[in-house]
Amino acid sequence: MLKQYLQFKLSQKLSPQQIQLMKLIQLPTQAFEQRLKQELEENPALDTGKEEKSDEFDDFDNSNDDFDESETIGEDINVDDYLSDDEIPDYRTSANNYSADDDEKSIPYASGTSFTQHLKNQLNTYRLDDEERDIAEFLVGSVDESGYIRRELSDIMDDLAFTQNVYTTEDKIEKVLSIVHQLDPAGVGARSLQECLSIQLNRKEQNPDVALALNIIDNAFEQFTKKHYKKLMAKFDVSEIQLKDAIHEIERLNPKPGGSYSGNTRMIEHVVPDFAIKIVDGELELTLNGRNAPELHVSREYNNMLKGYKESKDKSKSQKDAVLFIKQKLDAAKWFIEAIKQRQQTLFVTMSAIMHYQKEYFLTGDERNLKPMILKDIADEIEMDVSTVSRVANSKYVDTPYGTKLIKEFFSESMTNDQGEEVSTREIKKILETVIDEEPKKKPLTDEALAKILKEKGYPIARRTVAKYREQLDIPVARLRKEL
């Protein structure tokens, strides 16, 4: 049996505009420019650049007084609302960090042959039959951007049969692979780091140091990676100086031969700072990148369309449909302009709070002056949500007198030193890094010894915490930091 009943409940939902605004805030400068370009392409009612206000437009705007009643279309469209100047001043008077004579600077991208094509072109210098050429091209196509083939020969044999209709053996693939190993850059097509280094050493001019280095890579690779230098000296019956010279030859090799190819097609990342902090007369000065503050206004042509509609006596259905379309585009344009203004304000307010919170660091550049700071500290100060601060911090960069920094790097947890003061974990990591840099390289300090030194400096932290910080700094364990 069907029943009807009333149910009351409270729910909180984000409007599409709020979601779009959050996405705009999250975008870094370059991505924001792309989003802006997309909006300009999709919405013809939105124009960029300064708008010149003509006398004719002024006369038209003031002519609304001649009408006793505002003209409406349907139930919710008031033409005068879109022709009035009341909505315009905000975005006409918006400030911009670009000067009038600034040129639009675009980053040039070089075009060239891809890494794979570069290798295929080299195959043309070898005499290969049809089957060998098919196998060689398939192997070259399996080379990743680091220059390695990270697949088993049995898998490659199966793929050749299924995709290329080439039925062959692992021995034949191994033979063709030896030809691929002769291509440049040296080491390309290797299946492991050991094979990559061995290929490169075989290509070098042979001398005692290279011969010893090759012997170490081919016959004692595990001992070499674990830096068991005494075992290596005993195994090959060489002195410390001889071993040191051989290791120097290995260190000069390229572990990622694919990365050395200048014409590869990997995307090059360009960091465009979203903010700039300068020290002027001993005080910090924050500016927002001018690209984040574009000059936008509603298209004059669309206003003229509404003017034409208002002055026409006979209003057809097609005209009314056109005005409905214009109304939607004008609404979208006005909202987008307002959203950009809110984005600018949110970015500036958030970064300003971070700058003042870390004032001592920005004035000195010393990471030891970084105060403990979490997202909630800034969110409470600017009275915004933690998620908003996170969106600003995660993907934005700031240009400082000490280099371009990722904003989220200024955030860190706190711990108490032996004097009962709250200090940033970044400060401890910096001191840990300095201690490791100054340690004796022949006998690196263990995590236990590092914890003892930090405790003497006034930072009582456990050995496991030292290990955690060391790993976060990408510093290997003591044994792997050993040098001859």
Protein backbone atom coordinates (compact mmCIF):
# COMPACT_ATOMS: atom_id res chain seq x y z
CA MET A 1 0.00 0.00 0.00
CA LEU A 2 1.32 3.45 -0.94
CA LYS A 3 1.49 6.16 1.69
CA GLN A 4 2.34 9.84 1.56
CA TYR A 5 4.16 11.55 4.38
CA LEU A 6 6.25 14.66 5.04
CA GLN A 7 9.86 14.47 6.10
CA PHE A 8 11.95 17.43 7.25
CA LYS A 9 15.73 17.30 7.02
CA LEU A 10 18.64 19.70 6.80
CA SER A 11 21.22 19.21 4.08
CA GLN A 12 24.20 21.21 2.91
CA LYS A 13 25.09 21.23 -0.75
CA LEU A 14 27.67 23.09 -2.78
CA SER A 15 26.35 25.07 -5.70
CA PRO A 16 27.98 24.60 -9.13
CA GLN A 17 29.42 28.12 -8.78
CA GLN A 18 31.09 27.25 -5.45
CA ILE A 19 32.59 24.10 -6.93
CA GLN A 20 33.92 26.06 -9.90
CA LEU A 21 35.40 28.69 -7.58
CA MET A 22 37.22 26.04 -5.54
CA LYS A 23 38.64 24.58 -8.74
CA LEU A 24 39.80 28.04 -9.86
CA ILE A 25 41.55 28.65 -6.52
CA GLN A 26 43.38 25.34 -6.81
CA LEU A 27 44.83 26.11 -10.25
CA PRO A 28 48.42 27.37 -10.48
CA THR A 29 49.14 30.31 -12.81
CA GLN A 30 49.80 28.37 -16.03
CA ALA A 31 46.76 26.10 -15.59
CA PHE A 32 44.65 29.16 -14.71
CA GLU A 33 45.68 30.81 -17.99
CA GLN A 34 44.53 27.72 -19.88
CA ARG A 35 41.22 27.75 -18.00
CA LEU A 36 40.78 31.43 -18.81
CA LYS A 37 41.50 30.80 -22.49
CA GLN A 38 38.95 27.98 -22.52
CA GLU A 39 36.28 30.20 -20.95
CA LEU A 40 36.94 32.98 -23.46
CA GLU A 41 36.55 30.49 -26.32
CA GLU A 42 33.35 28.98 -24.93
CA ASN A 43 31.63 32.21 -23.86
CA PRO A 44 31.43 34.91 -26.59
CA ALA A 45 29.90 37.32 -24.05
CA LEU A 46 33.25 37.49 -22.25
CA ASP A 47 35.98 39.80 -23.55
CA THR A 48 39.51 40.47 -22.37
CA GLY A 49 41.46 43.73 -22.31
CA LYS A 50 40.43 47.24 -21.40
CA GLU A 51 36.96 48.33 -22.49
CA GLU A 52 36.62 51.75 -24.09
CA LYS A 53 33.35 53.32 -23.08
CA SER A 54 31.91 55.44 -25.90
CA ASP A 55 29.47 58.37 -25.63
CA GLU A 56 26.98 56.39 -27.66
CA PHE A 57 26.99 53.65 -25.05
CA ASP A 58 26.57 56.21 -22.27
CA ASP A 59 23.57 57.73 -24.06
CA PHE A 60 22.07 54.32 -24.53
CA ASP A 61 22.52 53.38 -20.85
CA ASN A 62 20.86 56.59 -19.74
CA SER A 63 17.98 56.16 -22.20
CA ASN A 64 16.29 53.70 -19.86
CA ASP A 65 14.47 56.62 -18.28
CA ASP A 66 12.29 56.90 -21.40
CA PHE A 67 10.63 53.60 -20.56
CA ASP A 68 7.89 53.53 -18.00
CA GLU A 69 8.25 49.82 -17.39
CA SER A 70 11.11 47.42 -17.77
CA GLU A 71 10.57 45.04 -20.64
CA THR A 72 10.54 41.35 -19.76
CA ILE A 73 10.77 38.14 -21.72
CA GLY A 74 9.08 35.15 -20.21
CA GLU A 75 8.99 35.26 -16.42
CA ASP A 76 12.54 35.96 -15.22
CA ILE A 77 14.46 38.07 -17.74
CA ASN A 78 14.64 41.82 -17.31
CA VAL A 79 16.44 43.42 -20.25
CA ASP A 80 17.21 46.60 -18.31
CA ASP A 81 19.14 44.57 -15.73
CA TYR A 82 21.62 43.69 -18.43
CA LEU A 83 21.76 47.14 -20.05
CA SER A 84 22.21 49.09 -16.83
CA ASP A 85 25.63 50.34 -15.77
CA ASP A 86 24.97 49.31 -12.17
CA GLU A 87 26.69 45.94 -12.61
CA ILE A 88 29.70 47.25 -14.55
CA PRO A 89 31.97 49.38 -12.32
CA ASP A 90 33.41 46.49 -10.28
CA TYR A 91 35.13 44.79 -13.18
CA ARG A 92 35.83 48.00 -15.10
CA THR A 93 37.89 49.38 -12.25
CA SER A 94 39.76 46.19 -11.34
CA ALA A 95 43.49 46.60 -10.72
CA ASN A 96 46.12 44.75 -12.72
CA ASN A 97 49.78 44.06 -12.03
CA TYR A 98 50.67 44.27 -15.73
CA SER A 99 51.92 47.60 -17.01
CA ALA A 100 50.41 48.95 -20.24
CA ASP A 101 53.55 48.27 -22.30
CA ASP A 102 54.16 44.70 -21.06
CA ASP A 103 54.58 42.19 -23.84
CA GLU A 104 52.93 38.80 -23.63
CA LYS A 105 55.77 36.41 -22.95
CA SER A 106 55.27 32.88 -24.22
CA ILE A 107 57.63 29.96 -23.68
CA PRO A 108 58.99 28.48 -26.92
CA TYR A 109 58.98 24.72 -27.29
CA ALA A 110 61.56 23.02 -29.47
CA SER A 111 60.40 20.32 -31.83
CA GLY A 112 62.53 17.39 -32.87
CA THR A 113 62.81 13.67 -33.45
CA SER A 114 61.44 11.45 -30.72
CA PHE A 115 63.77 9.15 -28.79
CA THR A 116 62.21 6.07 -30.39
CA GLN A 117 62.57 7.49 -33.91
CA HIS A 118 66.16 8.45 -33.16
CA LEU A 119 66.91 4.80 -32.36
CA LYS A 120 65.01 3.53 -35.42
CA ASN A 121 67.00 5.85 -37.67
CA GLN A 122 70.21 4.25 -36.41
CA LEU A 123 68.92 0.78 -37.32
CA ASN A 124 69.09 1.82 -40.99
CA THR A 125 72.89 1.68 -40.77
CA TYR A 126 72.81 -2.10 -40.03
CA ARG A 127 72.28 -4.93 -42.48
CA LEU A 128 69.23 -6.79 -41.21
CA ASP A 129 66.85 -9.19 -42.91
CA ASP A 130 63.09 -8.57 -42.70
CA GLU A 131 62.58 -10.69 -39.58
CA GLU A 132 65.55 -9.13 -37.76
CA ARG A 133 64.36 -5.63 -38.65
CA ASP A 134 60.85 -6.36 -37.31
CA ILE A 135 62.34 -7.68 -34.08
CA ALA A 136 64.77 -4.75 -33.78
CA GLU A 137 62.02 -2.15 -34.31
CA PHE A 138 59.83 -3.91 -31.76
CA LEU A 139 62.69 -3.93 -29.23
CA VAL A 140 63.37 -0.25 -29.87
CA GLY A 141 59.67 0.46 -29.37
CA SER A 142 59.86 -1.32 -26.01
CA VAL A 143 62.61 1.00 -24.72
CA ASP A 144 61.26 3.28 -21.97
CA GLU A 145 62.18 6.93 -21.43
CA SER A 146 65.11 5.94 -19.17
CA GLY A 147 66.57 3.81 -21.98
CA TYR A 148 65.73 0.37 -20.54
CA ILE A 149 63.77 -2.64 -21.81
CA ARG A 150 61.97 -3.78 -18.66
CA ARG A 151 60.34 -6.92 -20.08
CA GLU A 152 61.25 -10.57 -20.23
CA LEU A 153 62.35 -11.93 -23.63
CA SER A 154 59.63 -14.59 -23.40
CA ASP A 155 56.97 -11.86 -23.15
CA ILE A 156 58.49 -10.00 -26.09
CA MET A 157 58.49 -13.26 -28.12
CA ASP A 158 54.77 -13.76 -27.39
CA ASP A 159 53.93 -10.16 -28.30
CA LEU A 160 55.83 -10.44 -31.59
CA ALA A 161 53.75 -13.49 -32.46
CA PHE A 162 50.40 -11.95 -31.48
CA THR A 163 50.84 -8.36 -32.69
CA GLN A 164 53.44 -8.54 -35.48
CA ASN A 165 52.81 -12.08 -36.75
CA VAL A 166 56.54 -12.76 -36.26
CA TYR A 167 57.28 -16.24 -34.91
CA THR A 168 60.82 -16.42 -33.56
CA THR A 169 62.90 -17.73 -30.66
CA GLU A 170 64.42 -16.15 -27.56
CA ASP A 171 67.90 -16.84 -28.95
CA LYS A 172 67.10 -14.85 -32.10
CA ILE A 173 65.70 -11.97 -30.01
CA GLU A 174 68.86 -12.07 -27.84
CA LYS A 175 70.98 -11.82 -31.00
CA VAL A 176 69.06 -8.81 -32.29
CA LEU A 177 69.13 -7.24 -28.81
CA SER A 178 72.94 -7.28 -28.96
CA ILE A 179 72.63 -5.07 -32.07
CA VAL A 180 70.29 -2.69 -30.23
CA HIS A 181 72.94 -2.47 -27.50
CA GLN A 182 75.28 -0.96 -30.09
CA LEU A 183 72.99 2.04 -30.64
CA ASP A 184 73.57 5.46 -29.13
CA PRO A 185 73.36 6.61 -26.41
CA ALA A 186 75.56 3.90 -24.89
CA GLY A 187 73.67 1.56 -22.58
CA VAL A 188 70.32 1.86 -24.34
CA GLY A 189 68.22 -1.31 -24.47
CA ALA A 190 69.67 -2.74 -21.25
CA ARG A 191 67.40 -4.90 -19.11
CA SER A 192 68.99 -3.93 -15.79
CA LEU A 193 71.32 -1.35 -14.28
CA GLN A 194 74.11 -3.94 -14.18
CA GLU A 195 73.76 -4.65 -17.91
CA CYS A 196 73.51 -0.91 -18.69
CA LEU A 197 76.79 -0.12 -16.88
CA SER A 198 78.50 -3.16 -18.42
CA ILE A 199 77.52 -2.08 -21.96
CA GLN A 200 78.92 1.40 -21.36
CA LEU A 201 82.21 0.09 -19.92
CA ASN A 202 82.65 -2.26 -22.89
CA ARG A 203 82.27 0.76 -25.21
CA LYS A 204 85.00 2.73 -23.39
CA GLU A 205 88.67 2.70 -24.31
CA GLN A 206 90.16 -0.14 -22.33
CA ASN A 207 92.74 0.53 -19.60
CA PRO A 208 93.45 -1.07 -16.18
CA ASP A 209 90.88 1.12 -14.38
CA VAL A 210 88.13 0.35 -16.92
CA ALA A 211 89.02 -3.36 -16.89
CA LEU A 212 88.74 -3.49 -13.09
CA ALA A 213 85.49 -1.52 -13.18
CA LEU A 214 84.05 -3.97 -15.74
CA ASN A 215 85.17 -6.92 -13.61
CA ILE A 216 83.45 -5.42 -10.56
CA ILE A 217 80.18 -4.79 -12.44
CA ASP A 218 80.10 -8.21 -14.10
CA ASN A 219 81.28 -10.34 -11.16
CA ALA A 220 80.68 -8.43 -7.91
CA PHE A 221 77.79 -6.10 -8.58
CA GLU A 222 75.93 -6.85 -5.33
CA GLN A 223 79.03 -6.22 -3.21
CA PHE A 224 79.63 -2.98 -5.11
CA THR A 225 76.04 -1.72 -4.56
CA LYS A 226 76.35 -2.47 -0.84
CA LYS A 227 79.75 -0.70 -0.73
CA HIS A 228 81.63 -3.65 0.74
CA TYR A 229 84.94 -2.11 -0.31
CA LYS A 230 87.16 -4.35 1.82
CA LYS A 231 85.61 -7.46 0.31
CA LEU A 232 86.12 -6.02 -3.20
CA MET A 233 89.81 -5.29 -2.50
CA ALA A 234 90.27 -8.83 -1.21
CA LYS A 235 88.33 -10.44 -4.06
CA PHE A 236 90.27 -8.68 -6.85
CA ASP A 237 93.54 -8.32 -4.92
CA VAL A 238 93.83 -4.56 -5.53
CA SER A 239 94.82 -1.58 -3.41
CA GLU A 240 92.46 1.07 -2.11
CA ILE A 241 93.75 3.57 -4.70
CA GLN A 242 93.16 1.11 -7.58
CA LEU A 243 89.64 0.39 -6.33
CA LYS A 244 88.98 4.11 -5.93
CA ASP A 245 90.04 4.79 -9.56
CA ALA A 246 87.84 1.94 -10.83
CA ILE A 247 84.83 3.22 -8.85
CA HIS A 248 85.50 6.68 -10.26
CA GLU A 249 85.14 5.19 -13.77
CA ILE A 250 81.78 3.65 -12.77
CA GLU A 251 80.55 6.90 -11.26
CA ARG A 252 81.14 8.65 -14.60
CA LEU A 253 78.68 6.32 -16.37
CA ASN A 254 75.07 7.25 -17.11
CA PRO A 255 72.55 5.06 -15.23
CA LYS A 256 69.69 6.45 -17.38
CA PRO A 257 70.93 6.66 -20.99
CA GLY A 258 67.48 7.66 -22.29
CA GLY A 259 67.51 10.80 -20.17
CA SER A 260 70.56 12.13 -21.99
CA TYR A 261 68.77 12.33 -25.35
CA SER A 262 68.05 16.02 -25.93
CA GLY A 263 65.35 15.43 -28.53
CA ASN A 264 63.03 13.30 -26.41
CA THR A 265 59.36 14.16 -26.27
CA ARG A 266 58.95 14.26 -22.52
CA MET A 267 57.13 17.32 -21.22
CA ILE A 268 59.40 20.02 -19.80
CA GLU A 269 58.04 21.64 -16.67
CA HIS A 270 58.30 25.40 -16.31
CA VAL A 271 57.53 26.82 -12.89
CA VAL A 272 55.73 30.16 -13.02
CA PRO A 273 55.59 31.73 -9.54
CA ASP A 274 52.09 32.73 -8.46
CA PHE A 275 53.44 35.28 -5.95
CA ALA A 276 56.57 37.35 -5.43
CA ILE A 277 57.99 38.45 -2.09
CA LYS A 278 60.56 41.26 -1.98
CA ILE A 279 62.32 43.00 0.88
CA VAL A 280 61.85 46.77 0.58
CA ASP A 281 63.45 48.96 3.28
CA GLY A 282 63.57 46.03 5.67
CA GLU A 283 59.89 45.17 5.19
CA LEU A 284 58.27 42.36 3.20
CA GLU A 285 56.27 43.24 0.09
CA LEU A 286 53.91 40.70 -1.48
CA THR A 287 52.64 40.88 -5.07
CA LEU A 288 50.37 38.56 -7.03
CA ASN A 289 51.55 37.50 -10.47
CA GLY A 290 49.86 39.78 -13.01
CA ARG A 291 48.74 36.76 -15.04
CA ASN A 292 46.35 35.96 -12.19
CA ALA A 293 44.61 39.33 -12.60
CA PRO A 294 43.35 39.54 -16.20
CA GLU A 295 41.20 42.45 -17.34
CA LEU A 296 37.81 41.06 -18.31
CA HIS A 297 34.52 42.69 -19.21
CA VAL A 298 31.19 41.77 -20.75
CA SER A 299 31.16 41.99 -24.55
CA ARG A 300 29.80 45.30 -25.92
CA GLU A 301 28.33 43.41 -28.89
CA TYR A 302 26.05 41.45 -26.60
CA ASN A 303 24.86 44.63 -24.93
CA ASN A 304 24.16 46.05 -28.39
CA MET A 305 22.12 42.94 -29.22
CA LEU A 306 19.93 43.59 -26.20
CA LYS A 307 19.66 47.23 -27.23
CA GLY A 308 18.48 46.15 -30.69
CA TYR A 309 15.92 43.81 -29.19
CA LYS A 310 14.59 46.52 -26.86
CA GLU A 311 14.18 49.06 -29.70
CA SER A 312 12.50 46.65 -32.11
CA LYS A 313 8.72 46.86 -32.20
CA ASP A 314 7.97 43.41 -33.55
CA LYS A 315 9.53 40.74 -31.37
CA SER A 316 9.54 37.34 -33.00
CA LYS A 317 9.98 34.01 -31.25
CA SER A 318 13.46 33.62 -32.74
CA GLN A 319 14.45 36.99 -31.28
CA LYS A 320 13.20 35.92 -27.87
CA ASP A 321 15.19 32.65 -28.12
CA ALA A 322 18.27 34.67 -29.03
CA VAL A 323 17.80 36.91 -25.99
CA LEU A 324 17.46 33.84 -23.77
CA PHE A 325 20.81 32.62 -25.11
CA ILE A 326 22.36 36.07 -24.57
CA LYS A 327 21.02 36.15 -21.01
CA GLN A 328 22.68 32.79 -20.20
CA LYS A 329 26.01 33.91 -21.61
CA LEU A 330 25.88 37.25 -19.80
CA ASP A 331 25.12 35.50 -16.51
CA ALA A 332 28.03 33.13 -17.04
CA ALA A 333 30.39 35.99 -17.99
CA LYS A 334 29.45 38.10 -14.95
CA TRP A 335 29.83 35.13 -12.63
CA PHE A 336 33.23 34.18 -14.09
CA ILE A 337 34.51 37.75 -13.65
CA GLU A 338 33.33 37.72 -10.04
CA ALA A 339 34.89 34.27 -9.45
CA ILE A 340 38.27 35.49 -10.72
CA LYS A 341 38.09 38.47 -8.35
CA GLN A 342 37.34 36.11 -5.46
CA ARG A 343 40.24 33.89 -6.55
CA GLN A 344 42.65 36.85 -6.55
CA GLN A 345 41.47 37.95 -3.13
CA THR A 346 41.68 34.44 -1.62
CA LEU A 347 45.18 33.84 -3.00
CA PHE A 348 46.48 37.20 -1.80
CA VAL A 349 44.93 37.00 1.68
CA THR A 350 46.18 33.44 2.24
CA MET A 351 49.73 34.12 1.05
CA SER A 352 49.85 37.36 3.01
CA ALA A 353 48.98 35.46 6.20
CA ILE A 354 51.67 32.85 5.47
CA MET A 355 54.24 35.58 4.76
CA HIS A 356 53.57 37.38 8.05
CA TYR A 357 53.51 34.09 10.00
CA GLN A 358 56.96 33.19 8.61
CA LYS A 359 58.26 36.79 8.55
CA GLU A 360 61.56 35.92 10.23
CA TYR A 361 62.31 33.27 7.58
CA PHE A 362 61.47 35.52 4.62
CA LEU A 363 63.69 38.28 6.01
CA THR A 364 66.70 36.00 6.56
CA GLY A 365 66.29 33.00 4.25
CA ASP A 366 67.49 30.71 7.06
CA GLU A 367 65.32 27.58 7.20
CA ARG A 368 66.12 27.28 10.90
CA ASN A 369 63.90 30.35 11.36
CA LEU A 370 60.84 28.57 9.96
CA LYS A 371 58.17 28.49 12.64
CA PRO A 372 55.98 25.40 13.14
CA MET A 373 52.89 26.02 11.01
CA ILE A 374 49.97 23.83 10.04
CA LEU A 375 47.05 24.55 7.71
CA LYS A 376 44.72 25.26 10.63
CA ASP A 377 46.97 28.08 11.88
CA ILE A 378 46.49 30.02 8.63
CA ALA A 379 42.83 29.00 8.25
CA ASP A 380 42.03 30.39 11.72
CA GLU A 381 43.90 33.63 11.00
CA ILE A 382 42.10 34.39 7.72
CA GLU A 383 38.81 32.83 8.89
CA MET A 384 38.56 30.41 5.98
CA ASP A 385 38.27 26.66 5.74
CA VAL A 386 41.36 24.45 6.03
CA SER A 387 40.58 22.96 2.60
CA THR A 388 40.79 26.43 1.01
CA VAL A 389 44.25 27.02 2.50
CA SER A 390 45.28 23.56 1.31
CA ARG A 391 44.18 24.38 -2.25
CA VAL A 392 46.27 27.54 -2.23
CA ALA A 393 49.35 25.86 -0.72
CA ASN A 394 49.48 22.59 -2.64
CA SER A 395 50.24 23.75 -6.16
CA LYS A 396 51.41 27.36 -5.88
CA TYR A 397 54.91 28.78 -5.96
CA VAL A 398 56.33 31.99 -4.53
CA ASP A 399 59.37 33.86 -5.84
CA THR A 400 61.51 34.87 -2.85
CA PRO A 401 64.96 36.50 -2.59
CA TYR A 402 66.23 32.97 -1.87
CA GLY A 403 64.72 31.21 -4.87
CA THR A 404 61.33 29.95 -6.03
CA LYS A 405 59.65 27.87 -3.32
CA LEU A 406 56.59 25.61 -3.19
CA ILE A 407 54.26 27.15 -0.63
CA LYS A 408 53.40 23.87 1.09
CA GLU A 409 57.09 23.54 2.05
CA PHE A 410 56.59 26.33 4.60
CA PHE A 411 54.19 24.12 6.56
CA SER A 412 55.63 21.77 9.15
CA GLU A 413 54.73 20.12 12.43
CA SER A 414 56.27 21.13 15.72
CA MET A 415 58.22 19.48 18.52
CA THR A 416 59.58 20.71 21.83
CA ASN A 417 63.34 21.17 22.32
CA ASP A 418 65.21 20.74 25.61
CA GLN A 419 64.40 24.34 26.57
CA GLY A 420 60.66 23.77 26.23
CA GLU A 421 60.38 25.84 23.01
CA GLU A 422 58.24 24.81 20.06
CA VAL A 423 60.48 24.28 17.02
CA SER A 424 59.69 23.26 13.45
CA THR A 425 60.55 19.78 12.21
CA ARG A 426 61.97 21.53 9.14
CA GLU A 427 64.57 23.13 11.40
CA ILE A 428 65.57 19.72 12.76
CA LYS A 429 65.80 18.25 9.24
CA LYS A 430 68.04 21.13 8.17
CA ILE A 431 70.38 20.53 11.12
CA LEU A 432 70.33 16.77 10.43
CA GLU A 433 71.26 17.44 6.79
CA THR A 434 74.15 19.71 7.89
CA VAL A 435 75.48 17.10 10.35
CA ILE A 436 75.44 14.40 7.65
CA ASP A 437 77.20 16.72 5.16
CA GLU A 438 80.01 17.28 7.69
CA GLU A 439 80.39 13.63 8.77
CA PRO A 440 83.58 11.66 7.96
CA LYS A 441 82.85 9.99 4.60
CA LYS A 442 85.02 6.96 5.32
CA LYS A 443 83.01 6.22 8.45
CA PRO A 444 79.49 7.74 8.18
CA LEU A 445 77.41 8.26 11.31
CA THR A 446 74.74 5.72 12.20
CA ASP A 447 71.20 6.81 13.06
CA GLU A 448 72.04 6.17 16.74
CA ALA A 449 75.06 8.49 16.53
CA LEU A 450 72.99 11.14 14.67
CA ALA A 451 70.31 11.02 17.40
CA LYS A 452 73.02 11.52 20.04
CA ILE A 453 74.45 14.57 18.22
CA LEU A 454 70.97 16.11 17.82
CA LYS A 455 70.31 15.56 21.50
CA GLU A 456 73.54 17.42 22.33
CA LYS A 457 72.33 20.28 20.11
CA GLY A 458 69.12 20.50 22.14
CA TYR A 459 66.77 18.30 20.07
CA PRO A 460 65.90 15.15 22.05
CA ILE A 461 64.51 12.86 19.36
CA ALA A 462 64.56 9.06 19.13
CA ARG A 463 66.68 7.03 16.69
CA ARG A 464 63.58 5.89 14.76
CA THR A 465 62.57 9.56 14.32
CA VAL A 466 66.04 10.32 12.93
CA ALA A 467 65.60 7.43 10.49
CA LYS A 468 62.19 8.81 9.42
CA TYR A 469 63.57 12.32 8.82
CA ARG A 470 66.60 10.89 6.97
CA GLU A 471 64.33 8.94 4.63
CA GLN A 472 62.18 12.03 4.01
CA LEU A 473 65.37 13.85 3.00
CA ASP A 474 66.26 10.97 0.60
CA ILE A 475 69.50 10.31 2.47
CA PRO A 476 70.60 6.62 2.47
CA VAL A 477 71.72 4.66 5.53
CA ALA A 478 75.28 5.08 6.84
CA ARG A 479 76.66 2.03 4.99
CA LEU A 480 75.55 3.42 1.61
CA ARG A 481 77.02 6.86 2.35
CA LYS A 482 80.52 5.39 2.73
CA GLU A 483 83.21 6.70 0.37
CA LEU A 484 86.84 5.69 -0.16
